[in-house]
Amino acid sequence: MRSALSGAISRELKPKWAAPQGVDVEKLVTVLTWNLNRDGSLSGTPRVVRQEGINDANRPQAQRHAEQAIRAVQLAAPFN
């Protein structure tokens, strides 16, 4: 069930995701958490849990990466 839910959410997020441009941005991983209402709408704002892959070259894009991740969740809501 978890795997199916994760896959469904990923499919809804993918078209909304726009990665920032720059050196080593493909190494950045932003992990978010968010709560959903029963109807699939967001209950509050998504929050950054952690970021991985940050190095000196991509540090300037890390904050933008997190902002874009949050934006993708907000644009994809409500989730089916």
Protein backbone atom coordinates (compact mmCIF):
# COMPACT_ATOMS: atom_id res chain seq x y z
CA MET A 1 0.00 0.00 0.00
CA ARG A 2 2.80 2.41 0.94
CA SER A 3 4.68 1.71 -2.25
CA ALA A 4 1.57 2.28 -4.37
CA LEU A 5 0.83 5.55 -2.55
CA SER A 6 4.41 6.73 -2.95
CA GLY A 7 4.32 5.96 -6.66
CA ALA A 8 1.01 7.77 -7.14
CA ILE A 9 2.29 10.88 -5.37
CA SER A 10 5.52 10.81 -7.39
CA ARG A 11 3.52 10.68 -10.64
CA GLU A 12 1.52 13.74 -9.57
CA LEU A 13 4.62 15.68 -8.48
CA LYS A 14 6.85 14.99 -11.48
CA PRO A 15 5.10 17.37 -13.94
CA LYS A 16 5.20 20.16 -11.32
CA TRP A 17 8.90 19.82 -10.49
CA ALA A 18 11.32 22.36 -11.97
CA ALA A 19 14.89 21.85 -10.76
CA PRO A 20 17.12 24.90 -10.43
CA GLN A 21 20.03 25.18 -12.85
CA GLY A 22 23.69 25.18 -11.91
CA VAL A 23 26.78 23.14 -11.17
CA ASP A 24 26.11 19.84 -9.34
CA VAL A 25 22.39 20.55 -8.78
CA GLU A 26 21.66 16.96 -9.85
CA LYS A 27 23.37 15.88 -6.61
CA LEU A 28 20.87 17.77 -4.44
CA VAL A 29 18.11 15.81 -2.73
CA THR A 30 15.46 17.65 -0.73
CA VAL A 31 13.25 15.55 1.55
CA LEU A 32 9.92 17.08 2.55
CA THR A 33 7.09 16.19 4.84
CA TRP A 34 3.51 17.36 4.56
CA ASN A 35 0.07 16.49 5.84
CA LEU A 36 -3.01 15.90 3.76
CA ASN A 37 -6.65 16.38 4.51
CA ARG A 38 -9.02 13.51 3.67
CA ASP A 39 -9.87 15.18 0.35
CA GLY A 40 -6.19 15.19 -0.72
CA SER A 41 -5.67 18.90 -0.11
CA LEU A 42 -2.71 20.14 1.88
CA SER A 43 -3.10 20.63 5.59
CA GLY A 44 -0.50 23.33 6.15
CA THR A 45 2.74 24.06 4.34
CA PRO A 46 5.21 21.34 3.34
CA ARG A 47 8.40 21.40 5.43
CA VAL A 48 11.98 20.46 4.64
CA VAL A 49 13.10 17.45 6.67
CA ARG A 50 16.66 17.38 5.29
CA GLN A 51 18.81 18.09 2.28
CA GLU A 52 21.56 15.86 0.98
CA GLY A 53 24.26 16.20 -1.64
CA ILE A 54 25.18 19.78 -0.81
CA ASN A 55 28.73 20.75 -1.76
CA ASP A 56 30.58 24.03 -2.32
CA ALA A 57 29.57 24.13 -6.01
CA ASN A 58 25.82 23.70 -5.48
CA ARG A 59 25.39 25.38 -2.10
CA PRO A 60 23.99 28.56 -3.73
CA GLN A 61 21.21 26.48 -5.35
CA ALA A 62 20.29 24.43 -2.25
CA GLN A 63 17.75 26.92 -0.89
CA ARG A 64 16.19 27.32 -4.34
CA HIS A 65 16.01 23.52 -4.64
CA ALA A 66 14.04 23.36 -1.37
CA GLU A 67 11.73 26.19 -2.49
CA GLN A 68 11.07 24.44 -5.80
CA ALA A 69 10.32 21.16 -4.02
CA ILE A 70 7.78 22.87 -1.75
CA ARG A 71 6.27 24.63 -4.76
CA ALA A 72 5.89 21.33 -6.64
CA VAL A 73 3.91 19.84 -3.74
CA GLN A 74 1.72 22.91 -3.51
CA LEU A 75 1.04 22.90 -7.26
CA ALA A 76 0.27 19.17 -7.33
CA ALA A 77 -2.30 19.41 -4.51
CA PRO A 78 -4.97 18.24 -4.14
CA PHE A 79 -3.66 14.70 -4.51
CA ASN A 80 -5.92 11.91 -5.80
